[in-house]
Every structure is written in structure tokens, then in C-alpha cells.
Amino acid sequence: MYPRAILARQVPLAQLLKKEYIEEMGERAKKETIDLVIFEEYDTIAVRVQDDRHKTKRFTIIDDRQRIELESSDVTVVDIWKSDCPALFKEKDSMKAKVELERVLSRDN
């Protein structure tokens, strides 16, 4: 899907945010990573693989703030649910995970 892109896994959140957001980060946020980041020439896409914990009120608040900060830092955010990409979540079968990810990303675009 992104033939010229650079793919990176477990990218620290701070590497993707503008300085103003990094300065306000708490200790917990400084430890957060984005599951998969697609670096394209003109776009950066943060792919967050979510499990059922992210449906709770606490995680929803954290995820919403993270989304706002990422999007304000010119990063596109795509959330993928574990149920849509079980192989990607397990990080075991890379070929199956690639097919799952392509299916979900093409659906979101």
C-alpha cells in the first residue's frame, strides 16, 4: 500500500509530537509508544492496535487526548481493533498480519 514508506514499530509517542505537547507530558505518557508508524514522504500515519481495555472510560480519555495531540502534530491516527487484526496483535504470523493490516487500512482510506 505504501511502497516508499518507512515502517517502524513501537515508536515513542514523544518522537511524533510537537514540542509544546512533549513539555506537558506526564511520566506515564513519556513511556507510551505507538504500535506501528508509517512514515511517508508527505504523511505520517500512527496505527494504534487496540484491545478491549481501550473501550473503558479511563483508556478512552487517554486515547482521545493522544489522538488530539498526534493530529495537532500533523500525524494521521488509525485505530485498529484486536478483533479485526488478531495476527497483527499477536505479532506472530507476519504475512497474515500484513494482509489484515492492508485490509483494514484500505477500508479506512
N, C-alpha and C. Protein backbone atom coordinates (compact mmCIF):
# COMPACT_ATOMS: atom_id res chain seq x y z
N MET A 1 0.81 -1.20 0.00
CA MET A 1 0.00 0.00 0.00
C MET A 1 0.85 1.26 0.00
N TYR A 2 1.94 1.22 0.72
CA TYR A 2 2.83 2.37 0.83
C TYR A 2 4.23 1.93 0.42
N PRO A 3 4.47 1.80 -0.88
CA PRO A 3 5.72 1.20 -1.35
C PRO A 3 6.99 1.97 -0.97
N ARG A 4 6.89 3.26 -0.78
CA ARG A 4 8.09 4.05 -0.45
C ARG A 4 8.16 4.42 1.03
N ALA A 5 7.25 3.91 1.79
CA ALA A 5 7.17 4.28 3.21
C ALA A 5 8.21 3.54 4.04
N ILE A 6 8.53 4.15 5.15
CA ILE A 6 9.35 3.52 6.17
C ILE A 6 8.41 3.11 7.29
N LEU A 7 8.46 1.83 7.65
CA LEU A 7 7.61 1.32 8.72
C LEU A 7 8.44 1.16 9.99
N ALA A 8 7.87 1.59 11.09
CA ALA A 8 8.56 1.46 12.38
C ALA A 8 7.58 0.95 13.42
N ARG A 9 8.06 0.06 14.29
CA ARG A 9 7.21 -0.48 15.35
C ARG A 9 7.62 0.10 16.69
N GLN A 10 6.62 0.25 17.58
CA GLN A 10 6.83 0.72 18.94
C GLN A 10 7.63 2.02 18.98
N VAL A 11 7.10 3.01 18.27
CA VAL A 11 7.73 4.33 18.21
C VAL A 11 7.30 5.14 19.44
N PRO A 12 8.26 5.70 20.18
CA PRO A 12 7.89 6.52 21.34
C PRO A 12 6.98 7.68 20.92
N LEU A 13 5.92 7.88 21.68
CA LEU A 13 4.96 8.93 21.38
C LEU A 13 5.65 10.28 21.24
N ALA A 14 6.60 10.56 22.10
CA ALA A 14 7.28 11.86 22.08
C ALA A 14 7.97 12.15 20.75
N GLN A 15 8.37 11.12 20.02
CA GLN A 15 9.04 11.33 18.72
C GLN A 15 8.08 11.87 17.66
N LEU A 16 6.78 11.76 17.92
CA LEU A 16 5.79 12.15 16.92
C LEU A 16 5.10 13.48 17.25
N LEU A 17 5.30 13.96 18.46
CA LEU A 17 4.56 15.15 18.91
C LEU A 17 5.37 16.43 18.77
N LYS A 18 4.64 17.53 18.62
CA LYS A 18 5.27 18.85 18.63
C LYS A 18 5.79 19.13 20.04
N LYS A 19 6.78 20.00 20.10
CA LYS A 19 7.46 20.33 21.35
C LYS A 19 6.50 20.73 22.46
N GLU A 20 5.49 21.51 22.13
CA GLU A 20 4.56 22.00 23.15
C GLU A 20 3.86 20.86 23.89
N TYR A 21 3.60 19.76 23.21
CA TYR A 21 2.95 18.62 23.85
C TYR A 21 3.95 17.80 24.67
N ILE A 22 5.16 17.71 24.20
CA ILE A 22 6.19 16.95 24.92
C ILE A 22 6.47 17.60 26.26
N GLU A 23 6.51 18.92 26.28
CA GLU A 23 6.79 19.65 27.52
C GLU A 23 5.72 19.41 28.57
N GLU A 24 4.50 19.10 28.17
CA GLU A 24 3.38 18.89 29.09
C GLU A 24 3.16 17.42 29.45
N MET A 25 3.96 16.53 28.90
CA MET A 25 3.76 15.10 29.11
C MET A 25 4.03 14.69 30.55
N GLY A 26 3.16 13.82 31.07
CA GLY A 26 3.39 13.22 32.37
C GLY A 26 4.32 12.04 32.24
N GLU A 27 4.72 11.48 33.37
CA GLU A 27 5.64 10.34 33.36
C GLU A 27 5.06 9.14 32.62
N ARG A 28 3.77 8.88 32.79
CA ARG A 28 3.13 7.75 32.11
C ARG A 28 3.17 7.94 30.60
N ALA A 29 2.84 9.14 30.15
CA ALA A 29 2.81 9.43 28.71
C ALA A 29 4.20 9.33 28.08
N LYS A 30 5.23 9.63 28.85
CA LYS A 30 6.59 9.55 28.33
C LYS A 30 6.99 8.11 28.00
N LYS A 31 6.30 7.15 28.59
CA LYS A 31 6.59 5.74 28.36
C LYS A 31 5.75 5.14 27.23
N GLU A 32 4.77 5.88 26.74
CA GLU A 32 3.87 5.36 25.72
C GLU A 32 4.55 5.25 24.36
N THR A 33 4.14 4.23 23.63
CA THR A 33 4.63 4.04 22.27
C THR A 33 3.44 3.85 21.34
N ILE A 34 3.68 4.12 20.08
CA ILE A 34 2.68 3.87 19.04
C ILE A 34 3.07 2.55 18.39
N ASP A 35 2.09 1.66 18.25
CA ASP A 35 2.35 0.30 17.78
C ASP A 35 3.07 0.24 16.44
N LEU A 36 2.57 0.99 15.48
CA LEU A 36 3.14 0.98 14.14
C LEU A 36 3.04 2.38 13.56
N VAL A 37 4.12 2.87 12.99
CA VAL A 37 4.10 4.18 12.35
C VAL A 37 4.56 4.02 10.92
N ILE A 38 3.79 4.61 10.02
CA ILE A 38 4.11 4.60 8.60
C ILE A 38 4.60 6.01 8.26
N PHE A 39 5.88 6.11 7.92
CA PHE A 39 6.45 7.40 7.55
C PHE A 39 6.49 7.48 6.03
N GLU A 40 5.65 8.34 5.49
CA GLU A 40 5.63 8.57 4.06
C GLU A 40 6.26 9.93 3.79
N GLU A 41 6.48 10.21 2.53
CA GLU A 41 7.11 11.48 2.17
C GLU A 41 6.32 12.68 2.69
N TYR A 42 5.00 12.65 2.56
CA TYR A 42 4.18 13.79 2.96
C TYR A 42 3.19 13.48 4.07
N ASP A 43 3.29 12.31 4.67
CA ASP A 43 2.32 11.95 5.69
C ASP A 43 2.95 10.98 6.69
N THR A 44 2.56 11.11 7.92
CA THR A 44 2.94 10.17 8.97
C THR A 44 1.65 9.59 9.52
N ILE A 45 1.59 8.27 9.54
CA ILE A 45 0.38 7.58 9.99
C ILE A 45 0.71 6.76 11.23
N ALA A 46 0.01 7.05 12.33
CA ALA A 46 0.16 6.30 13.56
C ALA A 46 -0.94 5.24 13.62
N VAL A 47 -0.55 3.99 13.66
CA VAL A 47 -1.50 2.89 13.73
C VAL A 47 -1.49 2.37 15.17
N ARG A 48 -2.63 2.52 15.84
CA ARG A 48 -2.75 2.06 17.22
C ARG A 48 -3.60 0.79 17.24
N VAL A 49 -3.02 -0.31 17.70
CA VAL A 49 -3.74 -1.57 17.80
C VAL A 49 -4.38 -1.62 19.18
N GLN A 50 -5.72 -1.63 19.20
CA GLN A 50 -6.47 -1.51 20.44
C GLN A 50 -7.09 -2.85 20.85
N ASP A 51 -7.03 -3.13 22.14
CA ASP A 51 -7.75 -4.28 22.68
C ASP A 51 -8.92 -3.78 23.51
N ASP A 52 -9.63 -4.67 24.18
CA ASP A 52 -10.85 -4.30 24.89
C ASP A 52 -10.61 -3.30 26.03
N ARG A 53 -9.40 -3.24 26.56
CA ARG A 53 -9.11 -2.25 27.62
C ARG A 53 -9.37 -0.83 27.12
N HIS A 54 -9.19 -0.62 25.83
CA HIS A 54 -9.35 0.72 25.25
C HIS A 54 -10.80 1.14 25.10
N LYS A 55 -11.72 0.26 25.49
CA LYS A 55 -13.14 0.61 25.50
C LYS A 55 -13.58 1.16 26.86
N THR A 56 -12.68 1.09 27.85
CA THR A 56 -13.01 1.61 29.17
C THR A 56 -12.91 3.13 29.19
N LYS A 57 -13.58 3.73 30.14
CA LYS A 57 -13.60 5.20 30.25
C LYS A 57 -12.18 5.75 30.41
N ARG A 58 -11.39 5.13 31.26
CA ARG A 58 -10.02 5.61 31.52
C ARG A 58 -9.19 5.61 30.24
N PHE A 59 -9.19 4.51 29.53
CA PHE A 59 -8.39 4.43 28.30
C PHE A 59 -8.96 5.31 27.20
N THR A 60 -10.27 5.45 27.15
CA THR A 60 -10.88 6.31 26.14
C THR A 60 -10.41 7.75 26.30
N ILE A 61 -10.33 8.21 27.54
CA ILE A 61 -9.85 9.57 27.81
C ILE A 61 -8.39 9.72 27.38
N ILE A 62 -7.56 8.76 27.74
CA ILE A 62 -6.14 8.79 27.35
C ILE A 62 -6.00 8.73 25.84
N ASP A 63 -6.73 7.83 25.20
CA ASP A 63 -6.65 7.68 23.74
C ASP A 63 -7.12 8.94 23.02
N ASP A 64 -8.18 9.56 23.53
CA ASP A 64 -8.69 10.79 22.90
C ASP A 64 -7.66 11.91 22.99
N ARG A 65 -7.04 12.06 24.15
CA ARG A 65 -6.02 13.10 24.29
C ARG A 65 -4.84 12.82 23.37
N GLN A 66 -4.42 11.57 23.32
CA GLN A 66 -3.31 11.19 22.46
C GLN A 66 -3.65 11.49 21.00
N ARG A 67 -4.87 11.16 20.59
CA ARG A 67 -5.29 11.41 19.21
C ARG A 67 -5.23 12.92 18.89
N ILE A 68 -5.76 13.73 19.80
CA ILE A 68 -5.76 15.18 19.58
C ILE A 68 -4.32 15.71 19.45
N GLU A 69 -3.44 15.25 20.31
CA GLU A 69 -2.05 15.70 20.28
C GLU A 69 -1.35 15.23 19.01
N LEU A 70 -1.59 14.00 18.60
CA LEU A 70 -0.98 13.49 17.37
C LEU A 70 -1.49 14.24 16.15
N GLU A 71 -2.81 14.39 16.06
CA GLU A 71 -3.38 15.07 14.90
C GLU A 71 -2.96 16.54 14.85
N SER A 72 -2.80 17.17 16.02
CA SER A 72 -2.32 18.54 16.06
C SER A 72 -0.84 18.62 15.69
N SER A 73 -0.16 17.49 15.74
CA SER A 73 1.25 17.41 15.34
C SER A 73 1.39 16.89 13.92
N ASP A 74 0.29 16.95 13.15
CA ASP A 74 0.27 16.55 11.74
C ASP A 74 0.50 15.06 11.52
N VAL A 75 0.00 14.25 12.44
CA VAL A 75 0.07 12.80 12.31
C VAL A 75 -1.35 12.27 12.15
N THR A 76 -1.57 11.45 11.13
CA THR A 76 -2.85 10.79 10.93
C THR A 76 -2.93 9.60 11.87
N VAL A 77 -4.06 9.43 12.55
CA VAL A 77 -4.22 8.34 13.51
C VAL A 77 -5.24 7.33 12.97
N VAL A 78 -4.84 6.07 12.97
CA VAL A 78 -5.73 4.98 12.58
C VAL A 78 -5.77 3.99 13.73
N ASP A 79 -6.95 3.73 14.25
CA ASP A 79 -7.12 2.73 15.30
C ASP A 79 -7.59 1.43 14.69
N ILE A 80 -6.92 0.37 15.05
CA ILE A 80 -7.27 -0.97 14.58
C ILE A 80 -7.58 -1.81 15.81
N TRP A 81 -8.71 -2.49 15.77
CA TRP A 81 -9.12 -3.30 16.91
C TRP A 81 -8.56 -4.71 16.80
N LYS A 82 -8.18 -5.23 17.93
CA LYS A 82 -7.63 -6.58 18.03
C LYS A 82 -8.52 -7.59 17.29
N SER A 83 -9.83 -7.42 17.41
CA SER A 83 -10.76 -8.36 16.77
C SER A 83 -10.67 -8.31 15.25
N ASP A 84 -10.24 -7.16 14.69
CA ASP A 84 -10.09 -7.03 13.24
C ASP A 84 -8.75 -7.55 12.74
N CYS A 85 -7.76 -7.57 13.61
CA CYS A 85 -6.40 -7.98 13.21
C CYS A 85 -5.74 -8.83 14.29
N PRO A 86 -6.26 -10.02 14.55
CA PRO A 86 -5.68 -10.84 15.62
C PRO A 86 -4.22 -11.23 15.37
N ALA A 87 -3.84 -11.48 14.14
CA ALA A 87 -2.45 -11.85 13.86
C ALA A 87 -1.51 -10.67 14.08
N LEU A 88 -1.95 -9.49 13.71
CA LEU A 88 -1.15 -8.29 13.94
C LEU A 88 -0.96 -8.05 15.43
N PHE A 89 -2.01 -8.26 16.20
CA PHE A 89 -1.95 -8.06 17.65
C PHE A 89 -0.97 -9.04 18.29
N LYS A 90 -0.98 -10.27 17.82
CA LYS A 90 -0.10 -11.30 18.39
C LYS A 90 1.35 -11.15 17.93
N GLU A 91 1.56 -10.46 16.81
CA GLU A 91 2.89 -10.26 16.23
C GLU A 91 3.58 -11.59 15.94
N LYS A 92 2.82 -12.57 15.46
CA LYS A 92 3.38 -13.89 15.18
C LYS A 92 3.53 -14.14 13.68
N ASP A 93 2.42 -14.26 12.99
CA ASP A 93 2.42 -14.59 11.56
C ASP A 93 2.46 -13.29 10.76
N SER A 94 3.64 -12.87 10.34
CA SER A 94 3.79 -11.56 9.71
C SER A 94 3.05 -11.45 8.38
N MET A 95 2.96 -12.53 7.62
CA MET A 95 2.25 -12.46 6.34
C MET A 95 0.75 -12.27 6.56
N LYS A 96 0.19 -13.02 7.50
CA LYS A 96 -1.23 -12.88 7.82
C LYS A 96 -1.50 -11.50 8.41
N ALA A 97 -0.59 -11.02 9.24
CA ALA A 97 -0.74 -9.69 9.84
C ALA A 97 -0.72 -8.61 8.76
N LYS A 98 0.14 -8.78 7.77
CA LYS A 98 0.23 -7.82 6.66
C LYS A 98 -1.09 -7.76 5.89
N VAL A 99 -1.67 -8.92 5.62
CA VAL A 99 -2.95 -8.98 4.91
C VAL A 99 -4.04 -8.31 5.74
N GLU A 100 -4.08 -8.59 7.04
CA GLU A 100 -5.07 -7.96 7.92
C GLU A 100 -4.92 -6.44 7.91
N LEU A 101 -3.69 -5.99 8.05
CA LEU A 101 -3.43 -4.55 8.12
C LEU A 101 -3.80 -3.86 6.81
N GLU A 102 -3.45 -4.46 5.68
CA GLU A 102 -3.81 -3.88 4.39
C GLU A 102 -5.32 -3.80 4.23
N ARG A 103 -6.02 -4.83 4.66
CA ARG A 103 -7.49 -4.84 4.57
C ARG A 103 -8.09 -3.70 5.39
N VAL A 104 -7.64 -3.54 6.62
CA VAL A 104 -8.20 -2.51 7.49
C VAL A 104 -7.80 -1.12 7.02
N LEU A 105 -6.57 -0.93 6.60
CA LEU A 105 -6.15 0.40 6.14
C LEU A 105 -6.85 0.80 4.84
N SER A 106 -7.08 -0.13 3.96
CA SER A 106 -7.77 0.21 2.71
C SER A 106 -9.23 0.55 2.99
N ARG A 107 -9.79 -0.06 4.02
CA ARG A 107 -11.17 0.24 4.42
C ARG A 107 -11.27 1.65 5.01
N ASP A 108 -10.23 2.09 5.74
CA ASP A 108 -10.23 3.40 6.39
C ASP A 108 -9.94 4.54 5.42
N ASN A 109 -9.33 4.25 4.30
CA ASN A 109 -8.97 5.31 3.33
C ASN A 109 -10.08 5.56 2.34
